[in-house]
């Protein structure tokens, strides 16, 4: 009986050590996982993955504010000014971003080749403190924005396809204050 009791005590010790070791390892993985940036788990889309074949170098066409682009006529000065410098995004487009109140900004995308204006899916009062990252030779556009609804900062990756931005991936960066940092700092 005493031998059996000792064997049980020994088995219990091993089980407790094994459970403790498992719990410590589990906590270590959890803590390490939370401390690592999201890029450690999945690679963020990169601009060079979305290269354009060529950059438009012809004369810039202005939008048709009395016709096709009438919905954007309230912003005609900002759009025209944005187009004057030539394409700054996806080969032939100009991204035009402007303020709409405290912490609020909007973005439009206009073709320098055709003059046509398109909506960008982020901005306004729902996506405050928005900053954008894009380049003339890539179809990738990154939007960082804050949400008052959940008090958090988000980064969205979009691919420009013809006349609209298609969401590739998204992630929550942290609290709203994280949106005061540059996008590149939040992507580290």
N, C-alpha and C. Protein backbone atom coordinates (compact mmCIF):
# COMPACT_ATOMS: atom_id res chain seq x y z
N UNK A 1 0.82 -1.19 0.00
CA UNK A 1 0.00 0.00 0.00
C UNK A 1 0.87 1.25 0.00
N UNK A 2 1.91 1.27 0.83
CA UNK A 2 2.80 2.41 0.91
C UNK A 2 3.52 2.58 -0.42
N UNK A 3 3.97 1.44 -1.00
CA UNK A 3 4.64 1.49 -2.31
C UNK A 3 3.71 2.07 -3.37
N UNK A 4 2.45 1.65 -3.37
CA UNK A 4 1.46 2.13 -4.32
C UNK A 4 1.22 3.63 -4.14
N UNK A 5 1.18 4.09 -2.90
CA UNK A 5 0.99 5.50 -2.61
C UNK A 5 2.19 6.31 -3.10
N UNK A 6 3.38 5.80 -2.90
CA UNK A 6 4.59 6.49 -3.37
C UNK A 6 4.59 6.57 -4.90
N UNK A 7 4.19 5.52 -5.53
CA UNK A 7 4.13 5.50 -7.00
C UNK A 7 3.12 6.54 -7.49
N UNK A 8 2.02 6.64 -6.80
CA UNK A 8 1.01 7.63 -7.20
C UNK A 8 1.54 9.06 -7.00
N UNK A 9 2.23 9.30 -5.90
CA UNK A 9 2.80 10.62 -5.64
C UNK A 9 3.80 10.96 -6.73
N UNK A 10 4.67 10.02 -7.07
CA UNK A 10 5.66 10.23 -8.13
C UNK A 10 4.97 10.52 -9.46
N UNK A 11 3.95 9.77 -9.80
CA UNK A 11 3.20 9.97 -11.04
C UNK A 11 2.56 11.36 -11.06
N UNK A 12 2.02 11.75 -9.90
CA UNK A 12 1.41 13.07 -9.80
C UNK A 12 2.45 14.17 -10.01
N UNK A 13 3.65 14.02 -9.42
CA UNK A 13 4.71 15.00 -9.60
C UNK A 13 5.05 15.14 -11.09
N UNK A 14 5.23 14.01 -11.77
CA UNK A 14 5.56 14.05 -13.20
C UNK A 14 4.45 14.72 -14.01
N UNK A 15 3.21 14.40 -13.64
CA UNK A 15 2.07 14.98 -14.35
C UNK A 15 2.04 16.49 -14.12
N UNK A 16 2.27 16.91 -12.87
CA UNK A 16 2.27 18.35 -12.57
C UNK A 16 3.41 19.06 -13.29
N UNK A 17 4.59 18.44 -13.31
CA UNK A 17 5.73 19.03 -14.01
C UNK A 17 5.43 19.12 -15.50
N UNK A 18 4.86 18.03 -16.05
CA UNK A 18 4.51 18.03 -17.47
C UNK A 18 3.46 19.11 -17.76
N UNK A 19 2.42 19.23 -16.92
CA UNK A 19 1.39 20.25 -17.11
C UNK A 19 1.97 21.65 -16.94
N UNK A 20 2.85 21.82 -15.95
CA UNK A 20 3.48 23.12 -15.74
C UNK A 20 4.36 23.48 -16.94
N UNK A 21 5.13 22.50 -17.42
CA UNK A 21 5.98 22.74 -18.59
C UNK A 21 5.12 23.09 -19.79
N UNK A 22 4.03 22.38 -19.99
CA UNK A 22 3.11 22.68 -21.09
C UNK A 22 2.53 24.08 -20.95
N UNK A 23 2.11 24.45 -19.73
CA UNK A 23 1.53 25.77 -19.50
C UNK A 23 2.56 26.87 -19.75
N UNK A 24 3.81 26.65 -19.30
CA UNK A 24 4.87 27.64 -19.52
C UNK A 24 5.15 27.78 -21.02
N UNK A 25 5.27 26.66 -21.71
CA UNK A 25 5.51 26.71 -23.16
C UNK A 25 4.36 27.39 -23.89
N UNK A 26 3.16 27.07 -23.49
CA UNK A 26 1.98 27.69 -24.12
C UNK A 26 1.99 29.21 -23.90
N UNK A 27 2.28 29.64 -22.67
CA UNK A 27 2.35 31.07 -22.37
C UNK A 27 3.48 31.74 -23.15
N UNK A 28 4.61 31.07 -23.26
CA UNK A 28 5.74 31.62 -24.00
C UNK A 28 5.40 31.82 -25.47
N UNK A 29 4.75 30.84 -26.07
CA UNK A 29 4.33 30.95 -27.46
C UNK A 29 3.32 32.08 -27.62
N UNK A 30 2.37 32.17 -26.70
CA UNK A 30 1.36 33.22 -26.76
C UNK A 30 1.99 34.60 -26.64
N UNK A 31 2.86 34.77 -25.64
CA UNK A 31 3.51 36.07 -25.44
C UNK A 31 4.40 36.41 -26.63
N UNK A 32 5.18 35.47 -27.09
CA UNK A 32 6.05 35.70 -28.24
C UNK A 32 5.23 36.03 -29.47
N UNK A 33 4.14 35.32 -29.66
CA UNK A 33 3.28 35.57 -30.81
C UNK A 33 2.68 36.96 -30.78
N UNK A 34 2.31 37.43 -29.60
CA UNK A 34 1.73 38.77 -29.49
C UNK A 34 2.79 39.85 -29.67
N UNK A 35 4.03 39.54 -29.30
CA UNK A 35 5.10 40.53 -29.40
C UNK A 35 5.61 40.67 -30.83
N UNK A 36 5.42 39.65 -31.64
CA UNK A 36 5.90 39.71 -33.02
C UNK A 36 4.96 40.54 -33.87
N UNK A 37 5.49 41.30 -34.83
CA UNK A 37 4.60 42.05 -35.73
C UNK A 37 3.82 41.09 -36.61
N UNK A 38 2.70 41.57 -37.12
CA UNK A 38 1.86 40.73 -37.98
C UNK A 38 2.61 40.23 -39.20
N UNK A 39 3.62 40.99 -39.66
CA UNK A 39 4.38 40.58 -40.84
C UNK A 39 5.18 39.32 -40.59
N UNK A 40 5.41 38.98 -39.31
CA UNK A 40 6.14 37.76 -39.03
C UNK A 40 5.30 36.53 -39.36
N UNK A 41 4.00 36.67 -39.38
CA UNK A 41 3.12 35.55 -39.64
C UNK A 41 2.70 35.48 -41.11
N UNK A 42 2.53 36.62 -41.72
CA UNK A 42 2.12 36.66 -43.12
C UNK A 42 2.80 37.85 -43.77
N UNK A 43 3.30 37.65 -44.94
CA UNK A 43 3.99 38.73 -45.64
C UNK A 43 2.99 39.74 -46.18
N UNK A 44 3.22 41.01 -45.89
CA UNK A 44 2.37 42.06 -46.44
C UNK A 44 2.62 42.18 -47.94
N UNK A 45 1.60 42.56 -48.70
CA UNK A 45 1.82 42.81 -50.13
C UNK A 45 2.86 43.92 -50.30
N UNK A 46 3.69 43.78 -51.33
CA UNK A 46 4.73 44.77 -51.61
C UNK A 46 4.48 45.41 -52.97
N UNK A 47 4.89 46.66 -53.11
CA UNK A 47 4.67 47.42 -54.35
C UNK A 47 5.24 46.71 -55.57
N UNK A 48 6.39 46.08 -55.42
CA UNK A 48 7.00 45.44 -56.59
C UNK A 48 6.26 44.18 -57.05
N UNK A 49 5.33 43.69 -56.26
CA UNK A 49 4.49 42.56 -56.67
C UNK A 49 3.36 43.02 -57.61
N UNK A 50 3.16 44.34 -57.71
CA UNK A 50 2.06 44.90 -58.49
C UNK A 50 2.57 45.93 -59.50
N UNK A 51 3.71 45.65 -60.09
CA UNK A 51 4.33 46.57 -61.07
C UNK A 51 3.42 46.79 -62.26
N UNK A 52 3.46 48.03 -62.79
CA UNK A 52 2.73 48.35 -64.02
C UNK A 52 3.67 48.13 -65.20
N UNK A 53 3.10 47.87 -66.38
CA UNK A 53 3.91 47.64 -67.57
C UNK A 53 4.55 48.92 -68.09
N UNK A 54 3.82 50.02 -68.01
CA UNK A 54 4.36 51.29 -68.50
C UNK A 54 3.70 52.46 -67.78
N UNK A 55 4.38 53.60 -67.81
CA UNK A 55 3.87 54.82 -67.20
C UNK A 55 3.41 55.75 -68.32
N UNK A 56 2.21 56.27 -68.20
CA UNK A 56 1.65 57.17 -69.20
C UNK A 56 2.45 58.46 -69.24
N UNK A 57 2.86 58.86 -70.45
CA UNK A 57 3.65 60.09 -70.58
C UNK A 57 3.01 61.08 -71.55
N UNK A 58 1.78 60.79 -71.97
CA UNK A 58 1.08 61.70 -72.88
C UNK A 58 0.51 62.90 -72.16
N UNK A 59 -0.23 63.70 -72.91
CA UNK A 59 -0.86 64.89 -72.35
C UNK A 59 -1.99 64.48 -71.40
N UNK A 60 -2.07 65.16 -70.26
CA UNK A 60 -3.12 64.88 -69.27
C UNK A 60 -4.45 65.43 -69.75
N UNK A 61 -5.48 64.56 -69.71
CA UNK A 61 -6.84 64.98 -70.03
C UNK A 61 -7.54 65.36 -68.73
N UNK A 62 -8.32 66.40 -68.79
CA UNK A 62 -9.08 66.84 -67.62
C UNK A 62 -10.45 66.16 -67.60
N UNK A 63 -11.02 66.00 -66.41
CA UNK A 63 -12.34 65.36 -66.28
C UNK A 63 -13.44 66.14 -66.99
N UNK A 64 -14.53 65.45 -67.28
CA UNK A 64 -15.72 66.04 -67.91
C UNK A 64 -16.73 66.35 -66.79
N UNK A 65 -16.54 67.49 -66.14
CA UNK A 65 -17.37 67.83 -64.99
C UNK A 65 -18.82 68.17 -65.34
N UNK A 66 -19.09 68.39 -66.61
CA UNK A 66 -20.48 68.64 -67.01
C UNK A 66 -21.12 67.38 -67.60
N UNK A 67 -20.36 66.34 -67.66
CA UNK A 67 -20.87 65.08 -68.22
C UNK A 67 -20.55 63.91 -67.31
N UNK A 68 -19.71 63.00 -67.81
CA UNK A 68 -19.37 61.74 -67.14
C UNK A 68 -18.95 61.92 -65.68
N UNK A 69 -18.19 62.95 -65.38
CA UNK A 69 -17.62 63.15 -64.03
C UNK A 69 -18.36 64.21 -63.22
N UNK A 70 -19.61 64.43 -63.55
CA UNK A 70 -20.43 65.47 -62.91
C UNK A 70 -20.50 65.30 -61.38
N UNK A 71 -20.51 64.07 -60.92
CA UNK A 71 -20.62 63.80 -59.48
C UNK A 71 -19.44 64.37 -58.69
N UNK A 72 -18.35 64.66 -59.38
CA UNK A 72 -17.14 65.16 -58.72
C UNK A 72 -16.92 66.65 -58.95
N UNK A 73 -17.89 67.34 -59.51
CA UNK A 73 -17.71 68.75 -59.88
C UNK A 73 -17.46 69.66 -58.67
N UNK A 74 -17.91 69.29 -57.48
CA UNK A 74 -17.64 70.10 -56.29
C UNK A 74 -16.15 70.12 -55.94
N UNK A 75 -15.42 69.15 -56.46
CA UNK A 75 -13.99 69.03 -56.15
C UNK A 75 -13.11 69.32 -57.37
N UNK A 76 -13.66 69.99 -58.37
CA UNK A 76 -12.96 70.17 -59.65
C UNK A 76 -11.61 70.87 -59.51
N UNK A 77 -11.50 71.87 -58.67
CA UNK A 77 -10.21 72.56 -58.51
C UNK A 77 -9.15 71.62 -57.93
N UNK A 78 -9.53 70.89 -56.91
CA UNK A 78 -8.58 69.95 -56.28
C UNK A 78 -8.18 68.85 -57.27
N UNK A 79 -9.13 68.35 -58.03
CA UNK A 79 -8.84 67.29 -58.98
C UNK A 79 -7.94 67.81 -60.10
N UNK A 80 -8.27 68.95 -60.65
CA UNK A 80 -7.44 69.53 -61.72
C UNK A 80 -6.01 69.78 -61.22
N UNK A 81 -5.89 70.34 -60.04
CA UNK A 81 -4.56 70.58 -59.46
C UNK A 81 -3.79 69.27 -59.27
N UNK A 82 -4.50 68.24 -58.82
CA UNK A 82 -3.88 66.93 -58.62
C UNK A 82 -3.41 66.29 -59.92
N UNK A 83 -4.12 66.54 -61.00
CA UNK A 83 -3.77 65.96 -62.30
C UNK A 83 -2.61 66.70 -62.98
N UNK A 84 -2.41 67.97 -62.66
CA UNK A 84 -1.41 68.79 -63.35
C UNK A 84 0.01 68.23 -63.27
N UNK A 85 0.36 67.62 -62.19
CA UNK A 85 1.73 67.10 -62.02
C UNK A 85 1.97 65.79 -62.78
N UNK A 86 0.93 65.22 -63.35
CA UNK A 86 1.07 63.95 -64.06
C UNK A 86 0.81 62.76 -63.15
N UNK A 87 0.89 61.57 -63.71
CA UNK A 87 0.58 60.36 -62.93
C UNK A 87 1.49 60.19 -61.71
N UNK A 88 0.88 59.80 -60.60
CA UNK A 88 1.66 59.49 -59.40
C UNK A 88 1.31 58.11 -58.86
N UNK A 89 0.46 57.37 -59.60
CA UNK A 89 -0.01 56.08 -59.12
C UNK A 89 -0.40 55.18 -60.28
N UNK A 90 -0.02 53.92 -60.21
CA UNK A 90 -0.46 52.85 -61.12
C UNK A 90 -0.30 53.19 -62.61
N UNK A 91 0.76 53.91 -62.94
CA UNK A 91 1.08 54.16 -64.34
C UNK A 91 0.41 55.33 -64.99
N UNK A 92 -0.89 55.50 -64.79
CA UNK A 92 -1.60 56.59 -65.48
C UNK A 92 -2.52 57.40 -64.59
N UNK A 93 -2.52 57.14 -63.31
CA UNK A 93 -3.49 57.78 -62.41
C UNK A 93 -2.84 58.79 -61.48
N UNK A 94 -3.67 59.69 -60.99
CA UNK A 94 -3.27 60.63 -59.93
C UNK A 94 -4.18 60.40 -58.74
N UNK A 95 -3.58 60.17 -57.58
CA UNK A 95 -4.34 60.09 -56.34
C UNK A 95 -4.46 61.51 -55.82
N UNK A 96 -5.69 61.93 -55.56
CA UNK A 96 -5.97 63.28 -55.09
C UNK A 96 -6.62 63.15 -53.72
N UNK A 97 -5.90 63.58 -52.68
CA UNK A 97 -6.41 63.50 -51.32
C UNK A 97 -6.56 64.91 -50.77
N UNK A 98 -7.67 65.16 -50.09
CA UNK A 98 -7.92 66.50 -49.55
C UNK A 98 -8.75 66.39 -48.28
N UNK A 99 -8.66 67.42 -47.42
CA UNK A 99 -9.35 67.43 -46.14
C UNK A 99 -10.84 67.67 -46.26
N UNK A 100 -11.57 67.13 -45.28
CA UNK A 100 -13.02 67.33 -45.24
C UNK A 100 -13.48 67.63 -43.81
N UNK A 101 -12.55 68.10 -42.97
CA UNK A 101 -12.87 68.42 -41.59
C UNK A 101 -11.73 67.98 -40.69
N UNK A 102 -11.93 68.09 -39.40
CA UNK A 102 -10.91 67.74 -38.43
C UNK A 102 -10.63 66.23 -38.45
N UNK A 103 -9.43 65.85 -38.87
CA UNK A 103 -9.06 64.44 -38.95
C UNK A 103 -9.67 63.72 -40.13
N UNK A 104 -10.45 64.41 -40.92
CA UNK A 104 -11.17 63.80 -42.04
C UNK A 104 -10.49 64.15 -43.35
N UNK A 105 -10.34 63.16 -44.21
CA UNK A 105 -9.85 63.42 -45.57
C UNK A 105 -10.52 62.44 -46.53
N UNK A 106 -10.55 62.84 -47.77
CA UNK A 106 -11.12 62.02 -48.83
C UNK A 106 -10.03 61.79 -49.86
N UNK A 107 -10.19 60.74 -50.64
CA UNK A 107 -9.26 60.48 -51.74
C UNK A 107 -10.06 60.08 -52.97
N UNK A 108 -9.61 60.59 -54.10
CA UNK A 108 -10.17 60.22 -55.40
C UNK A 108 -9.00 59.79 -56.27
N UNK A 109 -9.30 58.99 -57.27
CA UNK A 109 -8.28 58.56 -58.22
C UNK A 109 -8.75 58.99 -59.60
N UNK A 110 -7.89 59.70 -60.33
CA UNK A 110 -8.26 60.20 -61.65
C UNK A 110 -7.24 59.73 -62.69
N UNK A 111 -7.73 59.33 -63.84
CA UNK A 111 -6.86 58.88 -64.93
C UNK A 111 -6.31 60.09 -65.68
N UNK A 112 -5.00 60.17 -65.81
CA UNK A 112 -4.38 61.24 -66.59
C UNK A 112 -4.58 61.00 -68.08
N UNK A 113 -4.82 59.76 -68.46
CA UNK A 113 -5.01 59.40 -69.88
C UNK A 113 -6.41 59.74 -70.36
N UNK A 114 -7.43 59.45 -69.54
CA UNK A 114 -8.83 59.66 -69.97
C UNK A 114 -9.53 60.81 -69.25
N UNK A 115 -9.00 61.23 -68.11
CA UNK A 115 -9.65 62.27 -67.32
C UNK A 115 -10.74 61.74 -66.40
N UNK A 116 -11.05 60.46 -66.47
CA UNK A 116 -12.13 59.90 -65.66
C UNK A 116 -11.74 59.85 -64.18
N UNK A 117 -12.71 60.14 -63.32
CA UNK A 117 -12.49 60.18 -61.88
C UNK A 117 -13.19 58.99 -61.23
N UNK A 118 -12.52 58.41 -60.23
CA UNK A 118 -13.04 57.23 -59.53
C UNK A 118 -12.96 57.45 -58.02
N UNK A 119 -13.87 56.79 -57.31
CA UNK A 119 -13.87 56.84 -55.84
C UNK A 119 -12.77 55.94 -55.30
N UNK A 120 -12.27 56.31 -54.13
CA UNK A 120 -11.38 55.43 -53.36
C UNK A 120 -12.20 54.94 -52.18
N UNK A 121 -12.11 53.64 -51.82
CA UNK A 121 -13.01 53.08 -50.82
C UNK A 121 -12.79 53.47 -49.36
N UNK A 122 -11.76 54.23 -49.06
CA UNK A 122 -11.54 54.67 -47.68
C UNK A 122 -11.54 56.19 -47.63
N UNK A 123 -11.79 56.72 -46.44
CA UNK A 123 -11.79 58.16 -46.23
C UNK A 123 -13.11 58.63 -45.66
N UNK A 124 -13.21 59.93 -45.45
CA UNK A 124 -14.42 60.49 -44.87
C UNK A 124 -14.43 60.32 -43.37
N UNK A 125 -15.59 60.52 -42.77
CA UNK A 125 -15.71 60.47 -41.32
C UNK A 125 -15.63 59.05 -40.75
N UNK A 126 -15.81 58.04 -41.59
CA UNK A 126 -15.72 56.66 -41.12
C UNK A 126 -14.28 56.17 -41.03
N UNK A 127 -13.38 56.80 -41.78
CA UNK A 127 -11.98 56.39 -41.82
C UNK A 127 -11.10 57.62 -41.60
N UNK A 128 -11.01 58.07 -40.36
CA UNK A 128 -10.30 59.33 -40.05
C UNK A 128 -8.79 59.12 -39.99
N UNK A 129 -8.06 60.23 -40.02
CA UNK A 129 -6.59 60.25 -39.97
C UNK A 129 -5.99 59.35 -41.06
N UNK A 130 -6.61 59.35 -42.22
CA UNK A 130 -6.17 58.47 -43.31
C UNK A 130 -4.89 59.00 -43.95
N UNK A 131 -3.95 58.09 -44.09
CA UNK A 131 -2.75 58.37 -44.88
C UNK A 131 -2.63 57.28 -45.92
N UNK A 132 -2.07 57.65 -47.06
CA UNK A 132 -1.95 56.71 -48.17
C UNK A 132 -0.49 56.55 -48.57
N UNK A 133 -0.17 55.37 -49.03
CA UNK A 133 1.16 55.09 -49.56
C UNK A 133 0.98 54.44 -50.92
N UNK A 134 1.60 55.00 -51.95
CA UNK A 134 1.45 54.49 -53.32
C UNK A 134 2.64 54.97 -54.14
N UNK A 135 2.78 54.42 -55.35
CA UNK A 135 3.85 54.87 -56.23
C UNK A 135 3.37 54.84 -57.68
N UNK A 136 4.07 55.56 -58.51
CA UNK A 136 3.70 55.71 -59.92
C UNK A 136 3.83 54.41 -60.69
N UNK A 137 4.75 53.54 -60.28
CA UNK A 137 4.99 52.32 -61.05
C UNK A 137 4.39 51.06 -60.43
N UNK A 138 3.40 51.23 -59.53
CA UNK A 138 2.77 50.08 -58.89
C UNK A 138 1.26 50.29 -58.76
N UNK A 139 0.51 49.19 -58.83
CA UNK A 139 -0.95 49.22 -58.65
C UNK A 139 -1.36 49.05 -57.19
N UNK A 140 -0.37 48.90 -56.28
CA UNK A 140 -0.65 48.72 -54.86
C UNK A 140 -0.82 50.08 -54.19
N UNK A 141 -1.87 50.21 -53.41
CA UNK A 141 -2.07 51.41 -52.59
C UNK A 141 -2.41 50.95 -51.17
N UNK A 142 -1.70 51.52 -50.21
CA UNK A 142 -1.87 51.16 -48.80
C UNK A 142 -2.57 52.32 -48.10
N UNK A 143 -3.63 52.00 -47.37
CA UNK A 143 -4.38 53.02 -46.63
C UNK A 143 -4.31 52.72 -45.13
N UNK A 144 -3.87 53.69 -44.38
CA UNK A 144 -3.88 53.58 -42.92
C UNK A 144 -4.94 54.55 -42.42
N UNK A 145 -5.81 54.08 -41.54
CA UNK A 145 -6.91 54.92 -41.06
C UNK A 145 -7.36 54.48 -39.68
N UNK A 146 -8.03 55.39 -39.00
CA UNK A 146 -8.52 55.11 -37.65
C UNK A 146 -10.04 55.04 -37.65
N UNK A 147 -10.55 54.23 -36.75
CA UNK A 147 -12.00 54.07 -36.59
C UNK A 147 -12.42 54.56 -35.22
N UNK A 148 -13.36 55.52 -35.20
CA UNK A 148 -13.92 55.96 -33.93
C UNK A 148 -14.80 54.87 -33.33
N UNK A 149 -15.37 54.03 -34.17
CA UNK A 149 -16.28 52.98 -33.69
C UNK A 149 -15.62 52.04 -32.70
N UNK A 150 -14.42 51.54 -33.04
CA UNK A 150 -13.75 50.62 -32.13
C UNK A 150 -12.46 51.18 -31.56
N UNK A 151 -12.15 52.45 -31.86
CA UNK A 151 -10.97 53.11 -31.29
C UNK A 151 -9.65 52.52 -31.73
N UNK A 152 -9.61 52.02 -32.98
CA UNK A 152 -8.41 51.33 -33.44
C UNK A 152 -7.88 51.89 -34.76
N UNK A 153 -6.63 51.53 -35.03
CA UNK A 153 -5.95 51.93 -36.26
C UNK A 153 -5.86 50.70 -37.18
N UNK A 154 -6.12 50.90 -38.46
CA UNK A 154 -6.14 49.81 -39.43
C UNK A 154 -5.22 50.14 -40.61
N UNK A 155 -4.71 49.09 -41.24
CA UNK A 155 -3.98 49.23 -42.50
C UNK A 155 -4.63 48.29 -43.50
N UNK A 156 -5.01 48.85 -44.65
CA UNK A 156 -5.61 48.07 -45.74
C UNK A 156 -4.70 48.12 -46.96
N UNK A 157 -4.59 47.00 -47.65
CA UNK A 157 -3.80 46.91 -48.87
C UNK A 157 -4.77 46.70 -50.03
N UNK A 158 -4.69 47.56 -51.03
CA UNK A 158 -5.57 47.49 -52.19
C UNK A 158 -4.75 47.34 -53.47
N UNK A 159 -5.32 46.63 -54.44
CA UNK A 159 -4.76 46.61 -55.79
C UNK A 159 -5.71 47.39 -56.68
N UNK A 160 -5.16 48.34 -57.46
CA UNK A 160 -5.98 49.11 -58.39
C UNK A 160 -6.19 48.27 -59.64
N UNK A 161 -7.46 48.01 -59.97
CA UNK A 161 -7.81 47.20 -61.13
C UNK A 161 -8.74 48.00 -62.03
N UNK A 162 -8.17 48.69 -63.01
CA UNK A 162 -8.95 49.41 -64.01
C UNK A 162 -9.66 50.64 -63.52
N UNK A 163 -10.71 50.46 -62.75
CA UNK A 163 -11.48 51.62 -62.29
C UNK A 163 -11.88 51.53 -60.81
N UNK A 164 -11.24 50.60 -60.08
CA UNK A 164 -11.57 50.48 -58.66
C UNK A 164 -10.43 49.82 -57.89
N UNK A 165 -10.45 50.06 -56.59
CA UNK A 165 -9.47 49.46 -55.69
C UNK A 165 -10.08 48.21 -55.08
N UNK A 166 -9.39 47.09 -55.25
CA UNK A 166 -9.85 45.82 -54.68
C UNK A 166 -9.02 45.49 -53.45
N UNK A 167 -9.68 45.20 -52.35
CA UNK A 167 -9.01 44.90 -51.09
C UNK A 167 -8.25 43.58 -51.20
N UNK A 168 -6.95 43.62 -50.88
CA UNK A 168 -6.11 42.42 -50.88
C UNK A 168 -6.07 41.84 -49.48
N UNK A 169 -5.73 42.70 -48.51
CA UNK A 169 -5.67 42.26 -47.12
C UNK A 169 -5.82 43.46 -46.20
N UNK A 170 -6.11 43.17 -44.95
CA UNK A 170 -6.32 44.21 -43.96
C UNK A 170 -5.83 43.72 -42.62
N UNK A 171 -5.45 44.65 -41.78
CA UNK A 171 -5.12 44.27 -40.41
C UNK A 171 -5.28 45.45 -39.47
N UNK A 172 -5.57 45.10 -38.22
CA UNK A 172 -5.68 46.11 -37.17
C UNK A 172 -4.27 46.29 -36.60
N UNK A 173 -3.83 47.55 -36.52
CA UNK A 173 -2.48 47.86 -36.05
C UNK A 173 -2.46 47.99 -34.53
N UNK A 174 -3.49 48.56 -33.97
CA UNK A 174 -3.54 48.80 -32.53
C UNK A 174 -4.57 49.87 -32.23
N UNK A 175 -4.33 50.64 -31.19
CA UNK A 175 -5.23 51.72 -30.82
C UNK A 175 -5.13 52.87 -31.82
N UNK A 176 -6.08 53.79 -31.77
CA UNK A 176 -6.13 54.92 -32.71
C UNK A 176 -4.83 55.69 -32.77
N UNK A 177 -4.14 55.84 -31.64
CA UNK A 177 -2.90 56.60 -31.60
C UNK A 177 -1.83 56.06 -32.55
N UNK A 178 -1.91 54.78 -32.87
CA UNK A 178 -0.94 54.19 -33.80
C UNK A 178 -1.04 54.83 -35.18
N UNK A 179 -2.19 55.39 -35.50
CA UNK A 179 -2.38 56.03 -36.81
C UNK A 179 -1.65 57.37 -36.92
N UNK A 180 -1.10 57.87 -35.81
CA UNK A 180 -0.28 59.07 -35.87
C UNK A 180 1.12 58.76 -36.39
N UNK A 181 1.48 57.49 -36.41
CA UNK A 181 2.78 57.07 -36.93
C UNK A 181 2.70 56.95 -38.44
N UNK A 182 3.86 56.98 -39.09
CA UNK A 182 3.93 56.73 -40.53
C UNK A 182 3.54 55.28 -40.81
N UNK A 183 3.00 55.04 -41.99
CA UNK A 183 2.63 53.69 -42.39
C UNK A 183 3.84 52.76 -42.28
N UNK A 184 4.99 53.23 -42.79
CA UNK A 184 6.19 52.36 -42.79
C UNK A 184 6.57 51.93 -41.36
N UNK A 185 6.34 52.80 -40.37
CA UNK A 185 6.64 52.44 -38.99
C UNK A 185 5.69 51.38 -38.47
N UNK A 186 4.43 51.44 -38.88
CA UNK A 186 3.45 50.44 -38.45
C UNK A 186 3.57 49.14 -39.22
N UNK A 187 4.31 49.14 -40.31
CA UNK A 187 4.51 47.90 -41.09
C UNK A 187 5.73 47.12 -40.62
N UNK A 188 6.53 47.68 -39.74
CA UNK A 188 7.74 47.00 -39.25
C UNK A 188 7.39 45.83 -38.41
